[in-house]
C-alpha atoms as a PDB file:
ATOM      1  CA  MET A   1      84.376  89.933  78.661  1.00  0.00           C
ATOM      2  CA  THR A   2      87.946  91.144  78.974  1.00  0.00           C
ATOM      3  CA  PRO A   3      88.423  92.769  82.410  1.00  0.00           C
ATOM      4  CA  ARG A   4      88.775  96.538  82.414  1.00  0.00           C
ATOM      5  CA  ILE A   5      91.562  97.698  84.727  1.00  0.00           C
ATOM      6  CA  ALA A   6      92.445 101.181  85.945  1.00  0.00           C
ATOM      7  CA  ILE A   7      96.203 101.590  86.358  1.00  0.00           C
ATOM      8  CA  VAL A   8      97.233 104.555  88.485  1.00  0.00           C
ATOM      9  CA  LEU A   9     100.451 106.051  87.158  1.00  0.00           C
ATOM     10  CA  GLY A  10     101.879 106.533  90.629  1.00  0.00           C
ATOM     11  CA  ASP A  11     104.411 109.242  91.374  1.00  0.00           C
ATOM     12  CA  ALA A  12     105.013 111.071  88.091  1.00  0.00           C
ATOM     13  CA  ALA A  13     108.671 111.704  88.879  1.00  0.00           C
ATOM     14  CA  GLY A  14     109.344 107.991  89.312  1.00  0.00           C
ATOM     15  CA  ILE A  15     109.448 104.927  87.075  1.00  0.00           C
ATOM     16  CA  GLY A  16     105.673 104.440  86.878  1.00  0.00           C
ATOM     17  CA  SER A  17     105.291 105.746  83.334  1.00  0.00           C
ATOM     18  CA  GLU A  18     108.146 103.574  82.082  1.00  0.00           C
ATOM     19  CA  ILE A  19     107.004 100.297  83.608  1.00  0.00           C
ATOM     20  CA  ILE A  20     103.383 100.894  82.569  1.00  0.00           C
ATOM     21  CA  LEU A  21     104.357 101.487  78.951  1.00  0.00           C
ATOM     22  CA  LYS A  22     106.649  98.453  78.909  1.00  0.00           C
ATOM     23  CA  ALA A  23     104.038  96.230  80.565  1.00  0.00           C
ATOM     24  CA  LEU A  24     101.221  97.275  78.222  1.00  0.00           C
ATOM     25  CA  ALA A  25     103.514  96.776  75.233  1.00  0.00           C
ATOM     26  CA  ASP A  26     103.707  93.095  76.202  1.00  0.00           C
ATOM     27  CA  ALA A  27     101.283  91.144  74.002  1.00  0.00           C
ATOM     28  CA  ASP A  28     100.173  88.808  76.793  1.00  0.00           C
ATOM     29  CA  VAL A  29      99.347  91.701  79.106  1.00  0.00           C
ATOM     30  CA  ALA A  30      97.579  93.624  76.349  1.00  0.00           C
ATOM     31  CA  GLN A  31      95.384  90.628  75.542  1.00  0.00           C
ATOM     32  CA  SER A  32      94.551  89.869  79.166  1.00  0.00           C
ATOM     33  CA  CYS A  33      92.848  93.161  80.007  1.00  0.00           C
ATOM     34  CA  ARG A  34      91.593  96.515  78.784  1.00  0.00           C
ATOM     35  CA  ALA A  35      93.661  99.102  80.613  1.00  0.00           C
ATOM     36  CA  ILE A  36      93.137 102.771  81.257  1.00  0.00           C
ATOM     37  CA  VAL A  37      95.892 104.840  82.856  1.00  0.00           C
ATOM     38  CA  LEU A  38      95.047 107.482  85.449  1.00  0.00           C
ATOM     39  CA  GLY A  39      97.562 110.232  86.084  1.00  0.00           C
ATOM     40  CA  SER A  40      99.798 112.822  84.495  1.00  0.00           C
ATOM     41  CA  PRO A  41     100.083 112.537  80.691  1.00  0.00           C
ATOM     42  CA  ARG A  42     103.423 114.348  80.382  1.00  0.00           C
ATOM     43  CA  PRO A  43     105.752 111.671  81.825  1.00  0.00           C
ATOM     44  CA  LEU A  44     103.925 109.046  79.762  1.00  0.00           C
ATOM     45  CA  GLU A  45     104.440 111.101  76.601  1.00  0.00           C
ATOM     46  CA  GLU A  46     108.092 111.807  77.333  1.00  0.00           C
ATOM     47  CA  MET A  47     108.845 108.183  78.191  1.00  0.00           C
ATOM     48  CA  ALA A  48     106.976 106.818  75.168  1.00  0.00           C
ATOM     49  CA  GLU A  49     109.098 109.023  72.936  1.00  0.00           C
ATOM     50  CA  GLN A  50     112.308 108.032  74.682  1.00  0.00           C
ATOM     51  CA  LEU A  51     111.520 104.314  74.525  1.00  0.00           C
ATOM     52  CA  ALA A  52     110.042 104.533  71.022  1.00  0.00           C
ATOM     53  CA  ILE A  53     106.997 102.646  72.299  1.00  0.00           C
ATOM     54  CA  THR A  54     103.537 103.134  70.857  1.00  0.00           C
ATOM     55  CA  VAL A  55     100.810 101.830  73.147  1.00  0.00           C
ATOM     56  CA  ASP A  56      97.146 102.262  72.308  1.00  0.00           C
ATOM     57  CA  VAL A  57      95.765 102.996  75.759  1.00  0.00           C
ATOM     58  CA  GLU A  58      93.272 105.456  77.178  1.00  0.00           C
ATOM     59  CA  VAL A  59      94.844 107.997  79.524  1.00  0.00           C
ATOM     60  CA  ILE A  60      92.729 110.071  81.908  1.00  0.00           C
ATOM     61  CA  ASP A  61      94.456 113.276  82.965  1.00  0.00           C
ATOM     62  CA  CYS A  62      93.915 113.508  86.734  1.00  0.00           C
ATOM     63  CA  ASP A  63      96.222 116.445  87.407  1.00  0.00           C
ATOM     64  CA  VAL A  64      94.746 118.989  89.811  1.00  0.00           C
ATOM     65  CA  CYS A  65      97.934 120.888  90.589  1.00  0.00           C
ATOM     66  CA  HIS A  66     100.305 122.607  88.141  1.00  0.00           C
ATOM     67  CA  ASP A  67     102.419 124.621  90.573  1.00  0.00           C
ATOM     68  CA  GLU A  68     105.809 123.729  89.128  1.00  0.00           C
ATOM     69  CA  PRO A  69     107.469 122.415  85.964  1.00  0.00           C
ATOM     70  CA  PHE A  70     107.644 118.640  85.678  1.00  0.00           C
ATOM     71  CA  ARG A  71     110.919 117.083  86.868  1.00  0.00           C
ATOM     72  CA  TRP A  72     112.047 113.486  87.174  1.00  0.00           C
ATOM     73  CA  LYS A  73     113.677 112.006  90.284  1.00  0.00           C
ATOM     74  CA  GLU A  74     112.253 114.024  93.202  1.00  0.00           C
ATOM     75  CA  ALA A  75     109.310 114.035  95.554  1.00  0.00           C
ATOM     76  CA  THR A  76     107.179 117.162  95.232  1.00  0.00           C
ATOM     77  CA  ALA A  77     103.876 118.416  96.598  1.00  0.00           C
ATOM     78  CA  THR A  78     102.576 118.850  93.050  1.00  0.00           C
ATOM     79  CA  ASN A  79     103.149 115.224  92.111  1.00  0.00           C
ATOM     80  CA  GLY A  80     101.771 114.111  95.461  1.00  0.00           C
ATOM     81  CA  ALA A  81      98.545 116.058  95.002  1.00  0.00           C
ATOM     82  CA  ASN A  82      98.137 114.756  91.451  1.00  0.00           C
ATOM     83  CA  THR A  83      98.741 111.171  92.560  1.00  0.00           C
ATOM     84  CA  LEU A  84      96.092 111.500  95.274  1.00  0.00           C
ATOM     85  CA  ALA A  85      93.649 112.778  92.665  1.00  0.00           C
ATOM     86  CA  ALA A  86      94.387 109.764  90.449  1.00  0.00           C
ATOM     87  CA  ILE A  87      93.921 107.321  93.330  1.00  0.00           C
ATOM     88  CA  ARG A  88      90.651 108.992  94.277  1.00  0.00           C
ATOM     89  CA  ARG A  89      89.464 108.716  90.677  1.00  0.00           C
ATOM     90  CA  ALA A  90      90.419 105.033  90.592  1.00  0.00           C
ATOM     91  CA  VAL A  91      88.389 104.414  93.761  1.00  0.00           C
ATOM     92  CA  GLU A  92      85.400 106.169  92.192  1.00  0.00           C
ATOM     93  CA  LEU A  93      85.648 104.069  89.045  1.00  0.00           C
ATOM     94  CA  GLY A  94      86.064 100.846  90.994  1.00  0.00           C
ATOM     95  CA  ALA A  95      83.233 101.559  93.414  1.00  0.00           C
ATOM     96  CA  ALA A  96      80.890 102.469  90.546  1.00  0.00           C
ATOM     97  CA  GLY A  97      81.734  99.291  88.642  1.00  0.00           C
ATOM     98  CA  ASP A  98      83.142 101.269  85.715  1.00  0.00           C
ATOM     99  CA  VAL A  99      86.332  99.223  86.004  1.00  0.00           C
ATOM    100  CA  ASP A 100      86.738  95.672  87.237  1.00  0.00           C
ATOM    101  CA  ALA A 101      89.925  96.267  89.202  1.00  0.00           C
ATOM    102  CA  VAL A 102      92.562  98.821  90.147  1.00  0.00           C
ATOM    103  CA  VAL A 103      96.362  98.607  90.051  1.00  0.00           C
ATOM    104  CA  LEU A 104      98.424 101.294  91.759  1.00  0.00           C
ATOM    105  CA  GLY A 105     101.782 102.173  90.233  1.00  0.00           C
ATOM    106  CA  PRO A 106     104.791 102.906  92.478  1.00  0.00           C
ATOM    107  CA  LEU A 107     104.024 105.546  95.086  1.00  0.00           C
ATOM    108  CA  SER A 108     106.042 107.915  97.241  1.00  0.00           C
ATOM    109  CA  LYS A 109     104.484 108.321 100.680  1.00  0.00           C
ATOM    110  CA  GLU A 110     106.667 111.379 101.179  1.00  0.00           C
ATOM    111  CA  ALA A 111     105.172 113.033  98.097  1.00  0.00           C
ATOM    112  CA  LEU A 112     101.646 111.951  99.057  1.00  0.00           C
ATOM    113  CA  HIS A 113     101.993 113.616 102.445  1.00  0.00           C
ATOM    114  CA  MET A 114     103.552 116.687 100.837  1.00  0.00           C
ATOM    115  CA  GLY A 115     100.544 116.751  98.517  1.00  0.00           C
ATOM    116  CA  GLY A 116      98.047 116.842 101.356  1.00  0.00           C
ATOM    117  CA  MET A 117      97.373 113.239 102.415  1.00  0.00           C
ATOM    118  CA  GLN A 118      96.341 113.217 106.071  1.00  0.00           C
ATOM    119  CA  GLU A 119      96.209 109.436 106.402  1.00  0.00           C
ATOM    120  CA  ALA A 120      99.218 107.277 107.210  1.00  0.00           C
ATOM    121  CA  ASP A 121      99.274 105.522 103.850  1.00  0.00           C
ATOM    122  CA  GLU A 122      97.435 104.936 100.593  1.00  0.00           C
ATOM    123  CA  GLY A 123      95.399 102.078 102.066  1.00  0.00           C
ATOM    124  CA  SER A 124      93.882 104.367 104.683  1.00  0.00           C
ATOM    125  CA  PHE A 125      93.368 107.041 102.034  1.00  0.00           C
ATOM    126  CA  MET A 126      91.433 104.591  99.847  1.00  0.00           C
ATOM    127  CA  ARG A 127      89.423 103.419 102.868  1.00  0.00           C
ATOM    128  CA  ASN A 128      88.202 106.953 103.481  1.00  0.00           C
ATOM    129  CA  ALA A 129      87.665 107.648  99.782  1.00  0.00           C
ATOM    130  CA  ALA A 130      85.583 104.477  99.418  1.00  0.00           C
ATOM    131  CA  GLY A 131      83.736 104.927 102.718  1.00  0.00           C
ATOM    132  CA  VAL A 132      84.543 101.414 103.948  1.00  0.00           C
ATOM    133  CA  PRO A 133      85.321 100.483 107.572  1.00  0.00           C
ATOM    134  CA  TRP A 134      88.791  99.095 106.959  1.00  0.00           C
ATOM    135  CA  VAL A 135      91.431  98.290 104.390  1.00  0.00           C
ATOM    136  CA  ARG A 136      94.221  95.834 105.132  1.00  0.00           C
ATOM    137  CA  SER A 137      96.939  94.413 102.954  1.00  0.00           C
ATOM    138  CA  VAL A 138      98.311  90.987 102.103  1.00  0.00           C
ATOM    139  CA  VAL A 139     101.652  90.600 100.349  1.00  0.00           C
ATOM    140  CA  ARG A 140     101.829  87.747  97.858  1.00  0.00           C
ATOM    141  CA  TRP A 141     105.226  86.423  96.790  1.00  0.00           C
ATOM    142  CA  GLU A 142     105.369  83.123  94.917  1.00  0.00           C
ATOM    143  CA  ASN A 143     103.596  80.656  97.261  1.00  0.00           C
ATOM    144  CA  ILE A 144     103.911  82.697 100.455  1.00  0.00           C
ATOM    145  CA  TYR A 145     101.279  85.142 101.692  1.00  0.00           C
ATOM    146  CA  ARG A 146     101.821  87.459 104.627  1.00  0.00           C
ATOM    147  CA  ALA A 147      99.935  90.095 106.563  1.00  0.00           C
ATOM    148  CA  SER A 148     100.811  92.370 109.480  1.00  0.00           C
ATOM    149  CA  ILE A 149      98.639  93.295 112.434  1.00  0.00           C
ATOM    150  CA  THR A 150      99.839  96.910 112.488  1.00  0.00           C
ATOM    151  CA  GLY A 151     100.992  98.992 109.542  1.00  0.00           C
ATOM    152  CA  HIS A 152     102.467 102.439 109.105  1.00  0.00           C
ATOM    153  CA  MET A 153     102.699 103.943 112.582  1.00  0.00           C
ATOM    154  CA  PRO A 154     105.396 105.116 115.008  1.00  0.00           C
ATOM    155  CA  PHE A 155     107.090 102.196 116.723  1.00  0.00           C
ATOM    156  CA  ARG A 156     106.043 103.310 120.208  1.00  0.00           C
ATOM    157  CA  GLN A 157     102.363 102.956 119.201  1.00  0.00           C
ATOM    158  CA  ILE A 158     102.641  99.363 118.019  1.00  0.00           C
ATOM    159  CA  LEU A 159     101.919  97.549 121.291  1.00  0.00           C
ATOM    160  CA  ASP A 160      98.835  99.651 121.956  1.00  0.00           C
ATOM    161  CA  ASN A 161      97.408  98.555 118.590  1.00  0.00           C
ATOM    162  CA  ILE A 162      98.028  94.818 118.869  1.00  0.00           C
ATOM    163  CA  LYS A 163      94.741  93.397 120.132  1.00  0.00           C
ATOM    164  CA  THR A 164      93.409  89.838 120.199  1.00  0.00           C
ATOM    165  CA  GLU A 165      90.365  90.781 118.112  1.00  0.00           C
ATOM    166  CA  ARG A 166      92.518  92.469 115.474  1.00  0.00           C
ATOM    167  CA  ILE A 167      94.752  89.401 115.238  1.00  0.00           C
ATOM    168  CA  VAL A 168      91.692  87.174 114.760  1.00  0.00           C
ATOM    169  CA  ASP A 169      90.309  89.449 112.045  1.00  0.00           C
ATOM    170  CA  THR A 170      93.636  89.616 110.235  1.00  0.00           C
ATOM    171  CA  ILE A 171      94.166  85.851 110.265  1.00  0.00           C
ATOM    172  CA  CYS A 172      90.609  85.407 108.965  1.00  0.00           C
ATOM    173  CA  MET A 173      91.283  87.900 106.171  1.00  0.00           C
ATOM    174  CA  LEU A 174      94.582  86.221 105.243  1.00  0.00           C
ATOM    175  CA  SER A 175      92.982  82.759 105.224  1.00  0.00           C
ATOM    176  CA  GLU A 176      90.113  83.921 103.004  1.00  0.00           C
ATOM    177  CA  THR A 177      92.567  85.543 100.609  1.00  0.00           C
ATOM    178  CA  MET A 178      94.665  82.391 100.356  1.00  0.00           C
ATOM    179  CA  GLN A 179      91.600  80.218  99.787  1.00  0.00           C
ATOM    180  CA  ALA A 180      90.541  82.457  96.913  1.00  0.00           C
ATOM    181  CA  PHE A 181      93.904  81.809  95.309  1.00  0.00           C
ATOM    182  CA  GLY A 182      93.435  78.050  95.611  1.00  0.00           C
ATOM    183  CA  LEU A 183      95.170  77.364  98.944  1.00  0.00           C
ATOM    184  CA  ALA A 184      92.206  75.866 100.803  1.00  0.00           C
ATOM    185  CA  SER A 185      94.290  73.797 103.237  1.00  0.00           C
ATOM    186  CA  ALA A 186      97.096  76.284 103.841  1.00  0.00           C
ATOM    187  CA  LYS A 187      98.803  76.543 107.217  1.00  0.00           C
ATOM    188  CA  ILE A 188      99.383  79.956 108.782  1.00  0.00           C
ATOM    189  CA  GLY A 189     102.259  80.718 111.140  1.00  0.00           C
ATOM    190  CA  VAL A 190     101.863  83.550 113.642  1.00  0.00           C
ATOM    191  CA  ALA A 191     104.852  85.531 114.881  1.00  0.00           C
ATOM    192  CA  GLY A 192     105.347  86.774 118.412  1.00  0.00           C
ATOM    193  CA  ILE A 193     106.087  90.368 119.307  1.00  0.00           C
ATOM    194  CA  ASN A 194     108.911  89.964 121.815  1.00  0.00           C
ATOM    195  CA  PRO A 195     112.373  88.408 121.314  1.00  0.00           C
ATOM    196  CA  HIS A 196     112.102  84.603 121.150  1.00  0.00           C
ATOM    197  CA  ALA A 197     108.292  85.042 121.209  1.00  0.00           C
ATOM    198  CA  GLY A 198     108.594  86.044 124.850  1.00  0.00           C
ATOM    199  CA  ASP A 199     110.688  83.014 125.840  1.00  0.00           C
ATOM    200  CA  GLY A 200     108.048  81.744 128.250  1.00  0.00           C
ATOM    201  CA  GLY A 201     107.462  85.165 129.755  1.00  0.00           C
ATOM    202  CA  ALA A 202     111.118  86.048 130.284  1.00  0.00           C
ATOM    203  CA  PHE A 203     110.904  88.873 127.720  1.00  0.00           C
ATOM    204  CA  GLY A 204     107.265  89.869 127.942  1.00  0.00           C
ATOM    205  CA  HIS A 205     103.761  88.490 128.390  1.00  0.00           C
ATOM    206  CA  GLU A 206     102.026  89.769 125.255  1.00  0.00           C
ATOM    207  CA  GLU A 207     102.289  86.367 123.577  1.00  0.00           C
ATOM    208  CA  ALA A 208     100.341  84.631 126.357  1.00  0.00           C
ATOM    209  CA  ALA A 209      97.935  87.479 127.019  1.00  0.00           C
ATOM    210  CA  ILE A 210      97.122  88.651 123.482  1.00  0.00           C
ATOM    211  CA  ILE A 211      98.409  86.363 120.721  1.00  0.00           C
ATOM    212  CA  GLU A 212      97.713  82.863 122.070  1.00  0.00           C
ATOM    213  CA  PRO A 213      93.996  83.572 122.726  1.00  0.00           C
ATOM    214  CA  ALA A 214      93.678  84.777 119.124  1.00  0.00           C
ATOM    215  CA  ILE A 215      95.208  81.564 117.799  1.00  0.00           C
ATOM    216  CA  GLU A 216      92.876  79.485 119.994  1.00  0.00           C
ATOM    217  CA  GLU A 217      89.871  81.382 118.645  1.00  0.00           C
ATOM    218  CA  ILE A 218      90.953  81.078 115.030  1.00  0.00           C
ATOM    219  CA  ARG A 219      91.447  77.324 115.400  1.00  0.00           C
ATOM    220  CA  LYS A 220      87.846  77.059 116.618  1.00  0.00           C
ATOM    221  CA  ARG A 221      86.855  78.592 113.277  1.00  0.00           C
ATOM    222  CA  GLY A 222      88.609  75.781 111.434  1.00  0.00           C
ATOM    223  CA  ILE A 223      91.681  77.728 110.301  1.00  0.00           C
ATOM    224  CA  ASP A 224      95.020  75.957 110.634  1.00  0.00           C
ATOM    225  CA  ALA A 225      97.149  78.492 112.532  1.00  0.00           C
ATOM    226  CA  ASP A 226     100.189  77.877 114.706  1.00  0.00           C
ATOM    227  CA  GLY A 227     102.300  79.997 117.013  1.00  0.00           C
ATOM    228  CA  PRO A 228     103.404  82.315 118.327  1.00  0.00           C
ATOM    229  CA  HIS A 229     106.811  81.707 116.756  1.00  0.00           C
ATOM    230  CA  PRO A 230     109.956  83.851 117.147  1.00  0.00           C
ATOM    231  CA  ALA A 231     109.742  86.583 114.513  1.00  0.00           C
ATOM    232  CA  ASP A 232     113.384  86.169 113.503  1.00  0.00           C
ATOM    233  CA  THR A 233     112.895  82.585 112.306  1.00  0.00           C
ATOM    234  CA  ILE A 234     109.281  82.295 111.165  1.00  0.00           C
ATOM    235  CA  PHE A 235     109.957  83.473 107.615  1.00  0.00           C
ATOM    236  CA  CYS A 236     112.753  80.899 107.305  1.00  0.00           C
ATOM    237  CA  LYS A 237     110.170  78.254 108.200  1.00  0.00           C
ATOM    238  CA  ALA A 238     107.843  79.616 105.535  1.00  0.00           C
ATOM    239  CA  LEU A 239     110.635  79.464 102.953  1.00  0.00           C
ATOM    240  CA  ARG A 240     111.161  75.760 103.650  1.00  0.00           C
ATOM    241  CA  GLY A 241     107.425  75.109 103.319  1.00  0.00           C
ATOM    242  CA  ASP A 242     106.241  74.852 106.924  1.00  0.00           C
ATOM    243  CA  PHE A 243     103.772  77.707 106.377  1.00  0.00           C
ATOM    244  CA  GLN A 244     102.090  79.137 103.313  1.00  0.00           C
ATOM    245  CA  GLY A 245     100.807  82.151 105.253  1.00  0.00           C
ATOM    246  CA  VAL A 246     102.588  84.258 107.855  1.00  0.00           C
ATOM    247  CA  ILE A 247     101.161  86.790 110.306  1.00  0.00           C
ATOM    248  CA  PHE A 248     103.586  89.397 111.601  1.00  0.00           C
ATOM    249  CA  MET A 249     102.854  91.840 114.393  1.00  0.00           C
ATOM    250  CA  HIS A 250     104.181  94.987 112.744  1.00  0.00           C
ATOM    251  CA  HIS A 251     105.273  96.432 109.405  1.00  0.00           C
ATOM    252  CA  ASP A 252     109.055  96.054 109.502  1.00  0.00           C
ATOM    253  CA  GLN A 253     108.884  92.669 111.210  1.00  0.00           C
ATOM    254  CA  GLY A 254     107.343  91.328 108.013  1.00  0.00           C
ATOM    255  CA  ASN A 255     108.909  93.572 105.388  1.00  0.00           C
ATOM    256  CA  ALA A 256     112.528  93.038 106.420  1.00  0.00           C
ATOM    257  CA  PRO A 257     112.819  89.273 105.734  1.00  0.00           C
ATOM    258  CA  MET A 258     110.709  89.343 102.566  1.00  0.00           C
ATOM    259  CA  LYS A 259     112.602  92.270 101.060  1.00  0.00           C
ATOM    260  CA  ALA A 260     115.887  90.602 101.966  1.00  0.00           C
ATOM    261  CA  VAL A 261     115.062  87.615  99.762  1.00  0.00           C
ATOM    262  CA  ALA A 262     112.698  89.134  97.182  1.00  0.00           C
ATOM    263  CA  PHE A 263     113.029  92.906  97.009  1.00  0.00           C
ATOM    264  CA  GLY A 264     110.639  94.407  94.479  1.00  0.00           C
ATOM    265  CA  GLN A 265     108.985  91.076  93.682  1.00  0.00           C
ATOM    266  CA  GLY A 266     105.982  90.860  95.987  1.00  0.00           C
ATOM    267  CA  VAL A 267     102.517  92.172  95.126  1.00  0.00           C
ATOM    268  CA  VAL A 268     100.502  94.055  97.738  1.00  0.00           C
ATOM    269  CA  ILE A 269      96.811  93.043  97.783  1.00  0.00           C
ATOM    270  CA  TYR A 270      94.372  95.482  99.403  1.00  0.00           C
ATOM    271  CA  ARG A 271      91.394  93.857 101.141  1.00  0.00           C
ATOM    272  CA  GLY A 272      88.239  95.558 102.324  1.00  0.00           C
ATOM    273  CA  LEU A 273      87.572  97.625  99.206  1.00  0.00           C
ATOM    274  CA  PRO A 274      84.497  96.880  97.058  1.00  0.00           C
ATOM    275  CA  PHE A 275      86.721  96.041  94.091  1.00  0.00           C
ATOM    276  CA  PRO A 276      89.986  94.120  93.556  1.00  0.00           C
ATOM    277  CA  CYS A 277      92.997  96.348  94.122  1.00  0.00           C
ATOM    278  CA  VAL A 278      96.761  95.731  94.214  1.00  0.00           C
ATOM    279  CA  THR A 279     100.026  97.603  93.957  1.00  0.00           C
ATOM    280  CA  VAL A 280     103.617  96.793  93.107  1.00  0.00           C
ATOM    281  CA  GLY A 281     106.102  95.813  95.785  1.00  0.00           C
ATOM    282  CA  HIS A 282     108.505  98.687  95.188  1.00  0.00           C
ATOM    283  CA  GLY A 283     108.605 102.462  95.278  1.00  0.00           C
ATOM    284  CA  PRO A 284     109.112 105.082  92.541  1.00  0.00           C
ATOM    285  CA  ALA A 285     112.872 104.403  92.259  1.00  0.00           C
ATOM    286  CA  TYR A 286     113.738 108.055  91.697  1.00  0.00           C
ATOM    287  CA  GLY A 287     117.364 107.145  90.994  1.00  0.00           C
ATOM    288  CA  ARG A 288     116.343 105.319  87.804  1.00  0.00           C
ATOM    289  CA  ALA A 289     113.447 107.524  86.757  1.00  0.00           C
ATOM    290  CA  GLY A 290     113.457 108.913  83.238  1.00  0.00           C
ATOM    291  CA  GLU A 291     116.399 106.760  82.159  1.00  0.00           C
ATOM    292  CA  GLY A 292     114.676 103.793  80.493  1.00  0.00           C
ATOM    293  CA  ARG A 293     116.364 101.234  82.775  1.00  0.00           C
ATOM    294  CA  ALA A 294     113.407 100.063  84.865  1.00  0.00           C
ATOM    295  CA  THR A 295     111.911  96.584  84.572  1.00  0.00           C
ATOM    296  CA  PRO A 296     108.136  96.080  84.340  1.00  0.00           C
ATOM    297  CA  GLU A 297     108.153  92.531  85.722  1.00  0.00           C
ATOM    298  CA  ASN A 298     106.689  93.380  89.125  1.00  0.00           C
ATOM    299  CA  LEU A 299     103.925  95.443  87.536  1.00  0.00           C
ATOM    300  CA  LYS A 300     103.126  92.522  85.242  1.00  0.00           C
ATOM    301  CA  GLN A 301     102.899  90.321  88.343  1.00  0.00           C
ATOM    302  CA  ALA A 302     100.548  92.861  89.911  1.00  0.00           C
ATOM    303  CA  ILE A 303      98.311  92.874  86.837  1.00  0.00           C
ATOM    304  CA  SER A 304      98.268  89.070  86.778  1.00  0.00           C
ATOM    305  CA  THR A 305      97.394  88.995  90.483  1.00  0.00           C
ATOM    306  CA  VAL A 306      94.510  91.438  90.171  1.00  0.00           C
ATOM    307  CA  LEU A 307      93.156  89.458  87.203  1.00  0.00           C
ATOM    308  CA  ASP A 308      93.214  86.354  89.414  1.00  0.00           C
ATOM    309  CA  MET A 309      91.246  88.339  91.981  1.00  0.00           C
ATOM    310  CA  VAL A 310      88.671  89.316  89.365  1.00  0.00           C
ATOM    311  CA  LYS A 311      88.233  85.674  88.359  1.00  0.00           C
ATOM    312  CA  ALA A 312      87.917  84.620  92.003  1.00  0.00           C
ATOM    313  CA  GLY A 313      85.494  87.415  92.852  1.00  0.00           C
ATOM    314  CA  LEU A 314      87.850  88.503  95.627  1.00  0.00           C
ATOM    315  CA  ALA A 315      86.888  91.999  96.696  1.00  0.00           C
ATOM    316  CA  SER A 316      84.540  92.123  99.667  1.00  0.00           C
ATOM    317  CA  SER A 317      85.595  92.247 103.300  1.00  0.00           C
ATOM    318  CA  CYS A 318      86.240  89.122 105.324  1.00  0.00           C
ATOM    319  CA  GLN A 319      83.230  88.274 107.480  1.00  0.00           C
END
């Protein structure tokens, strides 16, 4: 049967409505899945009229807040609250098996927090909504997969959250994800945390004390991992083919090089949920919202990725 996918509109004031309409108007996308859109109907209606696009798709109105008139191009508490409601509804549908997968449109973390989100990010929000112990993300771009040990947190908290056990679990999760996508013999490079990966202890001992024991343990499990490598060169090595997977220690350490070479092209894969779930690699692009200039290519990549996950049965947590 054709997979049924819930697509969360994302921030209503952003480009989500435009890229969803353009993506679902593509014949290949339309034939590959049965989509339902969760979110605010008004931006979809306005954008469909502006683009002169007619898409036969079910839309579930998830709005719970109507405190202000709809406006493009700005983060608001109203849109944040409505987006949270749509994400929560998507989790309910996915957990109940009413949809086969979930795709999140472009989000604004500022708006989500304005709308009442207490968690650091949407992954943590979905973890609590689904009642699962953890949710972690893998970014897929072409033939490179990457994951970070720590995510959205103040920089001064990063070292306290980098633990050997967490590194082992994250490498395991990344390896399982890559295998599901057909990379059974992939090699994973692991970044250090300090400049030059500590330079033999000259700039810190975390590599020897925390990261190296994790790599030793993961090798015992039969996973081909190598490191720790200096964080400022490891992505260059991945680009030339030395690694198909990369583990970074913190959010910006991994995001900076990938966005420098492929901004808005990666797909974020959420692991740990009881259903396949992904999101686009870019935000709501308020500057372009409501203008008809946005491209749906990254959303189409996200839909293709989540369909691959459905075929591979990739949803459950790494054991």
